[in-house]
Amino acid sequence: MTTVLLIEDNLEIRENTTEILEMHGFNVIGAENGRIGIEKTFEMMPDIILCDIMMPEADGYEVLRSIKSSDKTSAIPFIFLTASVERKEVQAGFDLGACGYVRKPFEINELMTAIESCLQQVQNLKA
């Protein structure tokens, strides 16, 4: 079973997204802020990370930089899940190593496609 770490400070969004992911067969670990998300990444070693950008304690960019800076976690695919649509923010995320960007509110199939695409990229690199 694929494990998703969902880093989202909004409880309602975190709960709803967790439910959607679990209905699609994913094991979901939740984190309510960036600092906790970083800790859970190193603790749990998820298969993929979904992360908001604007959060307390560590924003999504800080989370991504921390994860990509460690050999242990750098290969974990990372998708930004955020309400921001600023082109410069999207590009900044990709420049830091994000493999996807899903804008909230999102369609379920849009989220699933992004997850599948990022997981497939990782599989292709391993092959």
C-alpha atoms as a PDB file:
ATOM      1  CA  MET A   1       0.000   0.000   0.000  1.00  0.00           C
ATOM      2  CA  THR A   2       1.311   3.431  -0.962  1.00  0.00           C
ATOM      3  CA  THR A   3       1.794   5.810   1.972  1.00  0.00           C
ATOM      4  CA  VAL A   4       1.017   9.494   1.472  1.00  0.00           C
ATOM      5  CA  LEU A   5       2.163  12.175   3.897  1.00  0.00           C
ATOM      6  CA  LEU A   6      -0.371  15.006   3.776  1.00  0.00           C
ATOM      7  CA  ILE A   7       1.014  18.245   5.248  1.00  0.00           C
ATOM      8  CA  GLU A   8      -1.879  20.704   5.576  1.00  0.00           C
ATOM      9  CA  ASP A   9      -2.642  23.181   8.354  1.00  0.00           C
ATOM     10  CA  ASN A  10      -6.388  23.442   7.591  1.00  0.00           C
ATOM     11  CA  LEU A  11      -8.068  20.627   9.539  1.00  0.00           C
ATOM     12  CA  GLU A  12     -11.111  20.388   7.268  1.00  0.00           C
ATOM     13  CA  ILE A  13      -9.018  20.165   4.097  1.00  0.00           C
ATOM     14  CA  ARG A  14      -6.664  17.653   5.751  1.00  0.00           C
ATOM     15  CA  GLU A  15      -9.563  15.448   6.866  1.00  0.00           C
ATOM     16  CA  ASN A  16     -11.413  15.633   3.525  1.00  0.00           C
ATOM     17  CA  THR A  17      -8.278  14.944   1.500  1.00  0.00           C
ATOM     18  CA  THR A  18      -7.342  12.062   3.805  1.00  0.00           C
ATOM     19  CA  GLU A  19     -10.774  10.524   3.256  1.00  0.00           C
ATOM     20  CA  ILE A  20     -10.467  10.864  -0.536  1.00  0.00           C
ATOM     21  CA  LEU A  21      -7.000   9.308  -0.549  1.00  0.00           C
ATOM     22  CA  GLU A  22      -8.034   6.441   1.721  1.00  0.00           C
ATOM     23  CA  MET A  23     -11.033   5.709  -0.540  1.00  0.00           C
ATOM     24  CA  HIS A  24      -8.507   5.386  -3.388  1.00  0.00           C
ATOM     25  CA  GLY A  25      -6.446   2.827  -1.471  1.00  0.00           C
ATOM     26  CA  PHE A  26      -3.717   5.001   0.030  1.00  0.00           C
ATOM     27  CA  ASN A  27      -2.418   4.874   3.579  1.00  0.00           C
ATOM     28  CA  VAL A  28      -2.400   8.498   4.793  1.00  0.00           C
ATOM     29  CA  ILE A  29      -0.294  10.156   7.473  1.00  0.00           C
ATOM     30  CA  GLY A  30      -1.376  13.677   8.403  1.00  0.00           C
ATOM     31  CA  ALA A  31       0.725  16.588   9.612  1.00  0.00           C
ATOM     32  CA  GLU A  32      -0.744  19.904  10.716  1.00  0.00           C
ATOM     33  CA  ASN A  33       2.257  22.105   9.947  1.00  0.00           C
ATOM     34  CA  GLY A  34       5.552  22.094   8.094  1.00  0.00           C
ATOM     35  CA  ARG A  35       7.773  21.322  11.077  1.00  0.00           C
ATOM     36  CA  ILE A  36       5.729  18.249  11.968  1.00  0.00           C
ATOM     37  CA  GLY A  37       5.676  17.287   8.297  1.00  0.00           C
ATOM     38  CA  ILE A  38       9.473  17.325   8.155  1.00  0.00           C
ATOM     39  CA  GLU A  39       9.688  15.215  11.324  1.00  0.00           C
ATOM     40  CA  LYS A  40       7.156  12.679   9.998  1.00  0.00           C
ATOM     41  CA  THR A  41       8.982  12.453   6.671  1.00  0.00           C
ATOM     42  CA  PHE A  42      12.183  11.290   8.343  1.00  0.00           C
ATOM     43  CA  GLU A  43      10.280   9.094  10.806  1.00  0.00           C
ATOM     44  CA  MET A  44       7.818   7.391   8.450  1.00  0.00           C
ATOM     45  CA  MET A  45       9.538   7.587   5.032  1.00  0.00           C
ATOM     46  CA  PRO A  46       6.330   8.030   2.998  1.00  0.00           C
ATOM     47  CA  ASP A  47       6.109   7.064  -0.666  1.00  0.00           C
ATOM     48  CA  ILE A  48       4.883  10.540  -1.662  1.00  0.00           C
ATOM     49  CA  ILE A  49       4.254  13.898   0.022  1.00  0.00           C
ATOM     50  CA  LEU A  50       1.385  16.333  -0.559  1.00  0.00           C
ATOM     51  CA  CYS A  51       2.126  19.698   1.013  1.00  0.00           C
ATOM     52  CA  ASP A  52       0.465  23.081   1.357  1.00  0.00           C
ATOM     53  CA  ILE A  53       2.685  26.145   0.867  1.00  0.00           C
ATOM     54  CA  MET A  54       1.380  28.690   3.380  1.00  0.00           C
ATOM     55  CA  MET A  55       1.651  27.064   6.828  1.00  0.00           C
ATOM     56  CA  PRO A  56       2.869  27.915  10.312  1.00  0.00           C
ATOM     57  CA  GLU A  57       6.257  26.847  11.696  1.00  0.00           C
ATOM     58  CA  ALA A  58       7.691  25.937   8.256  1.00  0.00           C
ATOM     59  CA  ASP A  59       6.164  26.783   4.900  1.00  0.00           C
ATOM     60  CA  GLY A  60       5.998  24.325   2.026  1.00  0.00           C
ATOM     61  CA  TYR A  61       9.199  25.627   0.452  1.00  0.00           C
ATOM     62  CA  GLU A  62      11.100  25.058   3.709  1.00  0.00           C
ATOM     63  CA  VAL A  63       9.651  21.553   3.908  1.00  0.00           C
ATOM     64  CA  LEU A  64      10.688  20.769   0.334  1.00  0.00           C
ATOM     65  CA  ARG A  65      14.208  22.192   0.825  1.00  0.00           C
ATOM     66  CA  SER A  66      14.668  20.110   3.979  1.00  0.00           C
ATOM     67  CA  ILE A  67      13.488  16.908   2.317  1.00  0.00           C
ATOM     68  CA  LYS A  68      15.528  17.419  -0.855  1.00  0.00           C
ATOM     69  CA  SER A  69      18.681  18.245   1.130  1.00  0.00           C
ATOM     70  CA  SER A  70      18.900  14.771   2.686  1.00  0.00           C
ATOM     71  CA  ASP A  71      20.055  11.708   0.754  1.00  0.00           C
ATOM     72  CA  LYS A  72      17.626   9.665   2.857  1.00  0.00           C
ATOM     73  CA  THR A  73      14.530  11.574   1.669  1.00  0.00           C
ATOM     74  CA  SER A  74      15.523  13.395  -1.518  1.00  0.00           C
ATOM     75  CA  ALA A  75      13.910  10.840  -3.857  1.00  0.00           C
ATOM     76  CA  ILE A  76      10.455  11.071  -2.237  1.00  0.00           C
ATOM     77  CA  PRO A  77       8.098  12.671  -4.787  1.00  0.00           C
ATOM     78  CA  PHE A  78       6.637  15.962  -3.572  1.00  0.00           C
ATOM     79  CA  ILE A  79       3.441  17.657  -4.765  1.00  0.00           C
ATOM     80  CA  PHE A  80       2.365  21.116  -3.698  1.00  0.00           C
ATOM     81  CA  LEU A  81      -1.325  21.219  -2.818  1.00  0.00           C
ATOM     82  CA  THR A  82      -2.143  24.899  -2.497  1.00  0.00           C
ATOM     83  CA  ALA A  83      -4.611  27.684  -3.210  1.00  0.00           C
ATOM     84  CA  SER A  84      -1.881  29.872  -4.691  1.00  0.00           C
ATOM     85  CA  VAL A  85      -1.865  30.261  -8.458  1.00  0.00           C
ATOM     86  CA  GLU A  86       1.051  32.644  -8.816  1.00  0.00           C
ATOM     87  CA  ARG A  87       3.201  31.487 -11.715  1.00  0.00           C
ATOM     88  CA  LYS A  88       6.408  32.484  -9.881  1.00  0.00           C
ATOM     89  CA  GLU A  89       5.395  30.329  -6.904  1.00  0.00           C
ATOM     90  CA  VAL A  90       4.688  27.347  -9.136  1.00  0.00           C
ATOM     91  CA  GLN A  91       8.060  27.778 -10.846  1.00  0.00           C
ATOM     92  CA  ALA A  92       9.840  28.203  -7.500  1.00  0.00           C
ATOM     93  CA  GLY A  93       8.380  24.900  -6.359  1.00  0.00           C
ATOM     94  CA  PHE A  94       9.503  23.073  -9.484  1.00  0.00           C
ATOM     95  CA  ASP A  95      12.942  24.682  -9.233  1.00  0.00           C
ATOM     96  CA  LEU A  96      13.284  23.262  -5.708  1.00  0.00           C
ATOM     97  CA  GLY A  97      12.391  19.770  -6.907  1.00  0.00           C
ATOM     98  CA  ALA A  98       8.611  19.416  -6.659  1.00  0.00           C
ATOM     99  CA  CYS A  99       7.180  16.977  -9.191  1.00  0.00           C
ATOM    100  CA  GLY A 100       3.646  18.344  -9.150  1.00  0.00           C
ATOM    101  CA  TYR A 101       1.392  21.225  -8.264  1.00  0.00           C
ATOM    102  CA  VAL A 102      -2.337  20.853  -7.568  1.00  0.00           C
ATOM    103  CA  ARG A 103      -4.439  23.955  -6.953  1.00  0.00           C
ATOM    104  CA  LYS A 104      -7.103  23.944  -4.247  1.00  0.00           C
ATOM    105  CA  PRO A 105      -9.977  23.464  -4.563  1.00  0.00           C
ATOM    106  CA  PHE A 106      -9.084  20.473  -6.713  1.00  0.00           C
ATOM    107  CA  GLU A 107     -10.970  17.832  -8.630  1.00  0.00           C
ATOM    108  CA  ILE A 108     -10.367  14.323  -7.293  1.00  0.00           C
ATOM    109  CA  ASN A 109      -9.186  13.032 -10.681  1.00  0.00           C
ATOM    110  CA  GLU A 110      -6.738  15.946 -10.936  1.00  0.00           C
ATOM    111  CA  LEU A 111      -5.189  14.964  -7.589  1.00  0.00           C
ATOM    112  CA  MET A 112      -5.082  11.266  -8.479  1.00  0.00           C
ATOM    113  CA  THR A 113      -3.474  12.003 -11.857  1.00  0.00           C
ATOM    114  CA  ALA A 114      -0.762  14.126 -10.204  1.00  0.00           C
ATOM    115  CA  ILE A 115      -0.031  11.412  -7.631  1.00  0.00           C
ATOM    116  CA  GLU A 116       0.098   8.650 -10.244  1.00  0.00           C
ATOM    117  CA  SER A 117       2.331  10.741 -12.504  1.00  0.00           C
ATOM    118  CA  CYS A 118       4.825  11.506  -9.725  1.00  0.00           C
ATOM    119  CA  LEU A 119       4.906   7.900  -8.529  1.00  0.00           C
ATOM    120  CA  GLN A 120       5.445   6.742 -12.123  1.00  0.00           C
ATOM    121  CA  GLN A 121       8.374   9.170 -12.518  1.00  0.00           C
ATOM    122  CA  VAL A 122      10.030   7.591  -9.469  1.00  0.00           C
ATOM    123  CA  GLN A 123       9.432   4.073 -10.837  1.00  0.00           C
ATOM    124  CA  ASN A 124      10.958   5.074 -14.173  1.00  0.00           C
ATOM    125  CA  LEU A 125      14.062   6.390 -12.417  1.00  0.00           C
ATOM    126  CA  LYS A 126      14.460   3.112 -10.522  1.00  0.00           C
ATOM    127  CA  ALA A 127      14.084   1.015 -13.689  1.00  0.00           C
END
